[in-house]
Amino acid sequence: MGTRYRGVSKYSESSIRINFVYLGKRWYEVIKGSPSDSNLEKIAQLREDIVAEIKLGIFSYELTFPDSHKNIQKANDLLGRNSNKITTGEYLLTWHEYNARSLEETSRKENLRIIHTSLLPDIGHIPLSELRWSDIKTMALSWNNTTKSIRNKLAPLRKALRHAVDDELIESNVLLGKSVDGIQRDFNPEEEEISPFDMRERQALLDACRHEQDHNLFRFVMWTGLRPSEVVSVTWSDIDWQKGTIRINKAKPRKAKHIKRPKTKAGVRQVKLFPDALQALEAQKDHTLLVGDQIFNNPNTKEPWNGDGAIREHFKVICKKAKVRYRRPYQLRHSYATMMLMAGEPVRWLSKQMGHAPPMQTMNVYAKWIDEDSPNAGSKAVEMFSMINNKSCKTG
């Protein structure tokens, strides 16, 4: 019995075990019969037929293994939850569970940590068959890590996708031949696809904040539109409480070791503080006003945020708890801009608030959120300047 078959093995002197992946889980069945070469070959052929049926979407657990009542019930339950499309997250966890036995404990724990903290939040929801390199690249960009760290984090995914090809769940490994060298170098968060949080999502995010400081920080960003690199740099002395504004004149960009001046003249500006932003600042006074000049601290370390990378990690946890699709915290800035434009606020004013150099930049970035076809378009002008019923206008 020197021949080995994938997914088929001797279980006892009178039985053979078969395993395969279905509905994102690995299934095991024990079939009676001596584990002779001829029987192992027959069971291997059965497994090939099962894998082919799963791929075509015509596999029936009940018809193939009518006496396996427990597994039939489990499969029916999964089908009832509309799980016929295996998600990347489901397969990653299944792959880890199956392969963990061959790993040392430290490697096993590290793989599981990477899967839960780095992979599942960004791509776990994507159907395995629909996962694309662009999804993985976007995820890797959000980590703000070195190339070496990105490679380490993608290692479990790369191996899992290789196994998924072997299991015939996908045609090819989207990571095959792809290099992560320099993946961070040309990324500009201003240029990423705009996907703002709607009003329901914004409220859900605030409700999910475990720390009041997180609540204050994200509420403040939602109502000022500051860049993450700016919000980690603002100080109490930047606030003009009488005018209701905050001075933006510094930032800590990605990978920067120290706070710097904004790169453009437009980046230095006075930002209006709306009531929500002011309330967030009032609540934040209890935490940092007497501690130092920095407004926002990391509630875990009690120290000022060391760049925006830690904020992203906090935000991932909050998104998961709020059951809101994860997007980078930078999208809160986009949410602020689209909210203002949808409310009909002037583009030139918003451009100054955002720190955009020319107003045309704001127009180009957020054009589709400017409601030019609103039935109320022009009503503000009528209200302010119409001579009809205007008592201050004299007739001849």
Protein backbone atom coordinates (compact mmCIF):
# COMPACT_ATOMS: atom_id res chain seq x y z
CA MET A 1 0.00 0.00 0.00
CA GLY A 2 2.64 2.53 -1.09
CA THR A 3 0.29 4.76 -3.13
CA ARG A 4 -0.99 7.93 -1.45
CA TYR A 5 -4.09 9.81 -2.49
CA ARG A 6 -5.05 13.40 -1.65
CA GLY A 7 -7.77 13.55 1.00
CA VAL A 8 -7.91 9.77 1.42
CA SER A 9 -6.20 7.73 4.13
CA LYS A 10 -6.34 4.54 6.15
CA TYR A 11 -8.51 5.01 9.25
CA SER A 12 -8.38 1.48 10.66
CA GLU A 13 -7.83 -2.05 9.43
CA SER A 14 -11.42 -2.09 8.22
CA SER A 15 -12.15 1.51 7.21
CA ILE A 16 -10.95 4.43 5.09
CA ARG A 17 -11.28 8.14 5.86
CA ILE A 18 -12.06 10.75 3.22
CA ASN A 19 -11.95 14.54 3.64
CA PHE A 20 -12.93 17.48 1.40
CA VAL A 21 -13.86 21.16 1.63
CA TYR A 22 -17.53 22.12 1.26
CA LEU A 23 -19.32 25.34 2.27
CA GLY A 24 -16.11 26.77 3.64
CA LYS A 25 -15.49 23.85 6.01
CA ARG A 26 -13.50 20.62 5.86
CA TRP A 27 -15.64 17.50 6.17
CA TYR A 28 -14.59 14.00 7.23
CA GLU A 29 -16.33 10.71 6.48
CA VAL A 30 -15.31 7.17 7.41
CA ILE A 31 -16.15 4.50 4.84
CA LYS A 32 -16.19 0.81 5.66
CA GLY A 33 -13.73 -1.37 3.75
CA SER A 34 -10.17 -2.59 4.07
CA PRO A 35 -7.59 0.08 3.13
CA SER A 36 -6.19 -1.91 0.20
CA ASP A 37 -4.67 -0.13 -2.79
CA SER A 38 -7.69 -0.89 -4.95
CA ASN A 39 -10.15 0.39 -2.31
CA LEU A 40 -8.08 3.51 -1.66
CA GLU A 41 -8.09 4.17 -5.42
CA LYS A 42 -11.89 3.79 -5.54
CA ILE A 43 -12.38 6.20 -2.64
CA ALA A 44 -9.95 8.64 -4.27
CA GLN A 45 -12.11 8.55 -7.40
CA LEU A 46 -15.20 9.16 -5.24
CA ARG A 47 -13.47 12.19 -3.73
CA GLU A 48 -12.65 13.54 -7.20
CA ASP A 49 -16.34 13.21 -8.12
CA ILE A 50 -17.36 15.02 -4.91
CA VAL A 51 -14.93 17.88 -5.55
CA ALA A 52 -16.21 18.20 -9.13
CA GLU A 53 -19.85 18.28 -7.95
CA ILE A 54 -19.01 20.91 -5.31
CA LYS A 55 -17.34 23.03 -7.98
CA LEU A 56 -20.42 22.75 -10.22
CA GLY A 57 -22.75 23.47 -7.30
CA ILE A 58 -24.63 20.17 -7.59
CA PHE A 59 -23.20 18.26 -4.62
CA SER A 60 -25.75 16.77 -2.21
CA TYR A 61 -24.48 15.56 1.16
CA GLU A 62 -27.66 13.58 1.75
CA LEU A 63 -27.41 11.65 -1.52
CA THR A 64 -23.66 10.97 -1.23
CA PHE A 65 -23.57 10.02 2.47
CA PRO A 66 -27.18 9.10 3.41
CA ASP A 67 -26.18 7.58 6.78
CA SER A 68 -24.12 10.58 7.95
CA HIS A 69 -27.04 12.23 9.76
CA LYS A 70 -24.98 14.65 11.85
CA ASN A 71 -23.06 16.04 8.86
CA ILE A 72 -26.21 16.17 6.73
CA GLN A 73 -27.86 18.35 9.38
CA LYS A 74 -24.77 20.57 9.65
CA ALA A 75 -24.63 21.01 5.85
CA ASN A 76 -28.34 21.82 5.67
CA ASP A 77 -27.91 24.42 8.42
CA LEU A 78 -25.09 26.07 6.49
CA LEU A 79 -27.08 26.01 3.27
CA GLY A 80 -29.97 27.57 5.14
CA ARG A 81 -27.70 30.50 6.03
CA ASN A 82 -26.99 30.98 2.30
CA SER A 83 -23.38 29.89 2.72
CA ASN A 84 -22.99 28.24 -0.67
CA LYS A 85 -20.50 30.98 -1.57
CA ILE A 86 -17.46 30.38 0.58
CA THR A 87 -16.00 33.61 1.89
CA THR A 88 -12.28 34.21 2.09
CA GLY A 89 -12.58 34.43 5.88
CA GLU A 90 -14.35 31.08 6.17
CA TYR A 91 -11.73 29.37 4.06
CA LEU A 92 -8.82 30.98 5.92
CA LEU A 93 -10.15 29.67 9.24
CA THR A 94 -10.85 26.24 7.77
CA TRP A 95 -7.37 26.11 6.22
CA HIS A 96 -5.76 27.12 9.51
CA GLU A 97 -7.69 24.55 11.52
CA TYR A 98 -6.69 21.78 9.11
CA ASN A 99 -3.00 22.77 8.84
CA ALA A 100 -2.39 23.90 12.42
CA ARG A 101 -1.48 20.37 13.51
CA SER A 102 1.67 20.43 11.37
CA LEU A 103 2.91 23.75 12.80
CA GLU A 104 4.79 24.60 15.96
CA GLU A 105 2.66 26.33 18.60
CA THR A 106 4.32 29.74 18.13
CA SER A 107 3.78 29.64 14.35
CA ARG A 108 0.21 28.46 14.81
CA LYS A 109 -0.62 31.32 17.18
CA GLU A 110 1.08 33.91 14.97
CA ASN A 111 -0.82 32.72 11.87
CA LEU A 112 -4.11 32.87 13.74
CA ARG A 113 -3.31 36.36 15.05
CA ILE A 114 -2.55 37.60 11.52
CA ILE A 115 -5.74 36.05 10.16
CA HIS A 116 -7.94 37.66 12.82
CA THR A 117 -6.30 41.09 13.09
CA SER A 118 -5.01 41.77 9.58
CA LEU A 119 -6.83 39.62 7.02
CA LEU A 120 -10.41 39.05 8.20
CA PRO A 121 -11.32 42.75 8.82
CA ASP A 122 -10.50 43.74 5.22
CA ILE A 123 -11.10 40.71 2.99
CA GLY A 124 -12.88 38.17 5.20
CA HIS A 125 -16.30 39.06 3.75
CA ILE A 126 -15.26 38.70 0.09
CA PRO A 127 -16.32 35.42 -1.58
CA LEU A 128 -13.20 33.33 -2.10
CA SER A 129 -13.86 32.98 -5.84
CA GLU A 130 -14.19 36.77 -6.19
CA LEU A 131 -11.01 37.77 -4.32
CA ARG A 132 -8.81 39.96 -6.54
CA TRP A 133 -5.25 41.29 -6.35
CA SER A 134 -6.70 44.81 -6.09
CA ASP A 135 -8.50 43.79 -2.86
CA ILE A 136 -5.27 42.46 -1.39
CA LYS A 137 -3.27 45.49 -2.48
CA THR A 138 -5.80 47.89 -0.92
CA MET A 139 -5.64 45.88 2.31
CA ALA A 140 -1.83 45.91 2.36
CA LEU A 141 -1.78 49.66 1.79
CA SER A 142 -3.97 50.19 4.83
CA TRP A 143 -1.46 48.44 7.09
CA ASN A 144 1.19 51.15 6.67
CA ASN A 145 3.89 48.50 7.23
CA THR A 146 7.34 47.81 5.84
CA THR A 147 7.63 45.54 2.82
CA LYS A 148 8.96 42.76 5.05
CA SER A 149 5.97 43.04 7.42
CA ILE A 150 3.55 42.98 4.49
CA ARG A 151 5.17 39.80 3.18
CA ASN A 152 4.85 38.18 6.62
CA LYS A 153 1.18 39.13 6.91
CA LEU A 154 0.36 37.83 3.44
CA ALA A 155 2.18 34.51 3.99
CA PRO A 156 -0.83 32.67 5.54
CA LEU A 157 -3.11 33.99 2.79
CA ARG A 158 -0.68 32.91 0.08
CA LYS A 159 -0.51 29.37 1.50
CA ALA A 160 -4.28 29.16 2.02
CA LEU A 161 -4.95 30.23 -1.58
CA ARG A 162 -2.51 27.56 -2.80
CA HIS A 163 -4.51 24.94 -0.89
CA ALA A 164 -7.77 26.39 -2.25
CA VAL A 165 -6.44 25.76 -5.77
CA ASP A 166 -5.57 22.19 -4.78
CA ASP A 167 -9.09 21.79 -3.36
CA GLU A 168 -10.40 23.06 -6.72
CA LEU A 169 -12.35 25.87 -5.06
CA ILE A 170 -10.62 28.52 -7.18
CA GLU A 171 -8.97 28.42 -10.58
CA SER A 172 -5.76 30.20 -9.61
CA ASN A 173 -3.89 31.83 -6.74
CA VAL A 174 -4.26 35.61 -7.19
CA LEU A 175 -1.03 36.11 -5.22
CA LEU A 176 0.97 33.89 -7.55
CA GLY A 177 3.77 35.94 -9.14
CA LYS A 178 2.71 39.13 -7.35
CA SER A 179 5.35 41.22 -5.59
CA VAL A 180 4.70 43.57 -2.67
CA ASP A 181 7.98 45.44 -3.16
CA GLY A 182 7.30 49.17 -3.04
CA ILE A 183 3.58 48.68 -2.57
CA GLN A 184 3.51 51.59 -0.10
CA ARG A 185 5.67 53.98 -2.02
CA ASP A 186 3.24 55.65 -4.40
CA PHE A 187 0.10 55.54 -2.28
CA ASN A 188 -1.73 58.80 -1.65
CA PRO A 189 -4.83 58.54 0.56
CA GLU A 190 -6.27 61.61 -1.19
CA GLU A 191 -6.44 59.55 -4.40
CA GLU A 192 -8.10 56.41 -3.06
CA GLU A 193 -11.63 55.61 -4.14
CA ILE A 194 -14.15 57.69 -2.21
CA SER A 195 -16.54 55.57 -0.14
CA PRO A 196 -18.06 57.84 2.54
CA PHE A 197 -19.86 56.57 5.62
CA ASP A 198 -23.55 57.42 5.56
CA MET A 199 -25.41 58.93 8.52
CA ARG A 200 -26.53 55.54 9.88
CA GLU A 201 -22.99 54.17 9.69
CA ARG A 202 -21.51 57.22 11.38
CA GLN A 203 -23.91 56.89 14.29
CA ALA A 204 -23.25 53.14 14.56
CA LEU A 205 -19.49 53.82 14.70
CA LEU A 206 -19.87 56.33 17.51
CA ASP A 207 -22.18 53.98 19.43
CA ALA A 208 -19.57 51.21 19.12
CA CYS A 209 -16.73 53.24 20.67
CA ARG A 210 -15.70 51.57 23.93
CA HIS A 211 -13.55 54.48 25.10
CA GLU A 212 -14.94 58.00 25.39
CA GLN A 213 -11.69 59.28 23.88
CA ASP A 214 -12.30 57.24 20.75
CA HIS A 215 -15.83 58.65 20.60
CA ASN A 216 -14.51 62.20 20.95
CA LEU A 217 -11.80 61.69 18.33
CA PHE A 218 -14.01 60.22 15.61
CA ARG A 219 -16.90 62.61 16.30
CA PHE A 220 -14.45 65.49 15.97
CA VAL A 221 -13.11 64.16 12.64
CA MET A 222 -16.63 63.61 11.32
CA TRP A 223 -17.38 67.31 11.88
CA THR A 224 -14.08 68.91 10.86
CA GLY A 225 -12.87 66.80 7.94
CA LEU A 226 -9.29 66.83 9.21
CA ARG A 227 -6.76 64.42 7.75
CA PRO A 228 -5.66 61.67 10.19
CA SER A 229 -2.14 63.16 10.06
CA GLU A 230 -3.60 66.50 11.18
CA VAL A 231 -5.90 65.25 13.94
CA VAL A 232 -3.01 63.47 15.70
CA SER A 233 -1.14 66.80 15.75
CA VAL A 234 -3.73 69.36 16.90
CA THR A 235 -3.20 70.99 20.31
CA TRP A 236 -5.40 72.83 22.80
CA SER A 237 -3.57 76.07 22.01
CA ASP A 238 -4.73 75.77 18.37
CA ILE A 239 -8.36 76.41 19.40
CA ASP A 240 -9.96 79.84 19.30
CA TRP A 241 -12.97 79.29 21.53
CA GLN A 242 -14.44 82.76 20.90
CA LYS A 243 -14.37 82.45 17.12
CA GLY A 244 -15.23 78.75 17.19
CA THR A 245 -12.28 77.71 14.99
CA ILE A 246 -9.16 75.56 15.17
CA ARG A 247 -5.85 76.46 13.53
CA ILE A 248 -4.31 73.73 11.37
CA ASN A 249 -0.62 74.36 10.85
CA LYS A 250 1.08 71.01 11.41
CA ALA A 251 0.72 67.32 10.60
CA LYS A 252 2.43 64.00 11.17
CA PRO A 253 2.33 62.25 7.78
CA ARG A 254 2.65 58.51 7.32
CA LYS A 255 6.15 57.21 8.18
CA ALA A 256 7.20 60.64 9.50
CA LYS A 257 9.10 60.55 12.80
CA HIS A 258 8.23 64.11 13.76
CA ILE A 259 5.39 66.59 13.33
CA LYS A 260 5.89 68.77 10.25
CA ARG A 261 4.41 71.84 8.59
CA PRO A 262 1.75 71.14 5.93
CA LYS A 263 3.19 70.57 2.45
CA THR A 264 1.07 73.32 0.83
CA LYS A 265 0.11 76.87 1.76
CA ALA A 266 -3.57 75.87 1.62
CA GLY A 267 -2.90 73.24 4.29
CA VAL A 268 -2.40 76.02 6.84
CA ARG A 269 -5.93 77.17 7.63
CA GLN A 270 -8.64 77.97 10.16
CA VAL A 271 -11.32 75.25 10.34
CA LYS A 272 -14.80 76.08 11.59
CA LEU A 273 -15.95 74.10 14.64
CA PHE A 274 -19.56 73.02 14.41
CA PRO A 275 -21.56 72.15 17.58
CA ASP A 276 -20.74 68.41 17.33
CA ALA A 277 -17.01 69.15 17.10
CA LEU A 278 -17.20 71.59 20.01
CA GLN A 279 -19.06 69.04 22.16
CA ALA A 280 -16.40 66.44 21.35
CA LEU A 281 -13.71 68.89 22.49
CA GLU A 282 -15.62 69.72 25.69
CA ALA A 283 -15.85 66.01 26.52
CA GLN A 284 -12.15 65.55 25.71
CA LYS A 285 -11.13 68.21 28.24
CA ASP A 286 -11.63 65.70 31.06
CA HIS A 287 -8.95 63.46 29.56
CA THR A 288 -6.11 65.63 28.25
CA LEU A 289 -6.57 69.35 28.99
CA LEU A 290 -4.50 69.19 32.18
CA VAL A 291 -2.15 66.47 30.92
CA GLY A 292 -0.44 68.28 28.05
CA ASP A 293 -1.09 70.38 24.97
CA GLN A 294 -2.01 67.48 22.68
CA ILE A 295 -5.80 67.19 22.36
CA PHE A 296 -6.19 63.51 21.48
CA ASN A 297 -4.39 60.65 23.23
CA ASN A 298 -4.45 56.91 22.65
CA PRO A 299 -6.82 55.68 25.40
CA ASN A 300 -4.81 52.46 25.74
CA THR A 301 -1.39 54.06 26.26
CA LYS A 302 -2.55 57.43 27.68
CA GLU A 303 0.06 58.97 25.37
CA PRO A 304 -0.40 61.11 22.22
CA TRP A 305 -1.09 59.10 19.07
CA ASN A 306 2.14 58.02 17.40
CA GLY A 307 0.94 58.66 13.84
CA ASP A 308 -2.27 57.46 12.24
CA GLY A 309 -1.39 53.73 12.07
CA ALA A 310 -2.62 53.06 15.62
CA ILE A 311 -5.82 54.99 14.86
CA ARG A 312 -6.52 52.63 11.96
CA GLU A 313 -6.16 49.62 14.24
CA HIS A 314 -8.64 51.16 16.70
CA PHE A 315 -10.98 51.96 13.85
CA LYS A 316 -10.94 48.38 12.54
CA VAL A 317 -12.12 47.11 15.92
CA ILE A 318 -14.85 49.76 16.08
CA CYS A 319 -16.07 48.97 12.54
CA LYS A 320 -16.28 45.29 13.39
CA LYS A 321 -18.24 45.96 16.59
CA ALA A 322 -20.55 48.38 14.75
CA LYS A 323 -21.04 45.86 11.91
CA VAL A 324 -20.00 48.55 9.46
CA ARG A 325 -17.90 47.68 6.40
CA TYR A 326 -14.34 48.70 7.14
CA ARG A 327 -12.87 51.63 5.26
CA ARG A 328 -9.80 53.63 6.19
CA PRO A 329 -10.40 56.43 8.76
CA TYR A 330 -9.49 58.82 5.93
CA GLN A 331 -12.98 58.10 4.56
CA LEU A 332 -14.37 60.10 7.50
CA ARG A 333 -12.80 63.15 5.85
CA HIS A 334 -14.58 62.25 2.62
CA SER A 335 -17.79 61.75 4.61
CA TYR A 336 -17.50 65.30 5.98
CA ALA A 337 -16.97 66.76 2.49
CA THR A 338 -19.84 64.88 0.87
CA MET A 339 -22.15 65.76 3.78
CA MET A 340 -21.41 69.47 3.32
CA LEU A 341 -21.85 69.37 -0.45
CA MET A 342 -25.10 67.42 -0.25
CA ALA A 343 -26.37 70.08 2.17
CA GLY A 344 -25.60 72.72 -0.46
CA GLU A 345 -22.65 74.41 1.26
CA PRO A 346 -20.41 76.56 -1.02
CA VAL A 347 -17.59 74.69 -2.77
CA ARG A 348 -15.11 77.54 -2.27
CA TRP A 349 -15.77 77.60 1.49
CA LEU A 350 -15.45 73.80 1.71
CA SER A 351 -12.21 73.91 -0.26
CA LYS A 352 -10.69 76.22 2.37
CA GLN A 353 -12.00 74.01 5.19
CA MET A 354 -10.43 70.92 3.59
CA GLY A 355 -7.10 72.58 2.86
CA HIS A 356 -7.37 72.03 -0.90
CA ALA A 357 -5.14 74.34 -2.92
CA PRO A 358 -7.62 75.39 -5.66
CA PRO A 359 -11.44 75.01 -5.29
CA MET A 360 -11.32 73.06 -8.56
CA GLN A 361 -9.63 70.22 -6.67
CA THR A 362 -12.69 69.93 -4.44
CA MET A 363 -14.96 70.06 -7.50
CA ASN A 364 -13.01 67.31 -9.26
CA VAL A 365 -12.80 65.02 -6.22
CA TYR A 366 -16.41 65.34 -5.07
CA ALA A 367 -18.26 66.28 -8.28
CA LYS A 368 -20.86 63.53 -8.09
CA TRP A 369 -21.98 64.63 -4.63
CA ILE A 370 -22.79 68.16 -5.82
CA ASP A 371 -26.53 68.02 -6.43
CA GLU A 372 -27.00 70.15 -9.52
CA ASP A 373 -30.39 68.62 -10.35
CA SER A 374 -32.06 69.23 -7.00
CA PRO A 375 -35.65 70.54 -7.31
CA ASN A 376 -34.64 73.17 -4.74
CA ALA A 377 -31.62 74.30 -6.73
CA GLY A 378 -31.50 78.09 -6.77
CA SER A 379 -33.86 78.50 -3.82
CA LYS A 380 -31.16 80.02 -1.63
CA ALA A 381 -30.54 82.71 -4.22
CA VAL A 382 -34.27 83.42 -4.48
CA GLU A 383 -34.56 83.64 -0.72
CA MET A 384 -31.65 86.06 -0.44
CA PHE A 385 -31.93 88.24 -3.53
CA SER A 386 -35.42 88.05 -5.10
CA MET A 387 -37.17 91.43 -5.41
CA ILE A 388 -40.60 89.78 -5.16
CA ASN A 389 -42.09 90.52 -1.73
CA ASN A 390 -38.81 92.21 -0.78
CA LYS A 391 -39.89 95.15 1.34
CA SER A 392 -36.53 96.86 0.97
CA CYS A 393 -37.03 97.10 -2.78
CA LYS A 394 -38.89 100.22 -3.91
CA THR A 395 -41.03 100.22 -7.04
CA GLY A 396 -41.34 103.19 -9.38
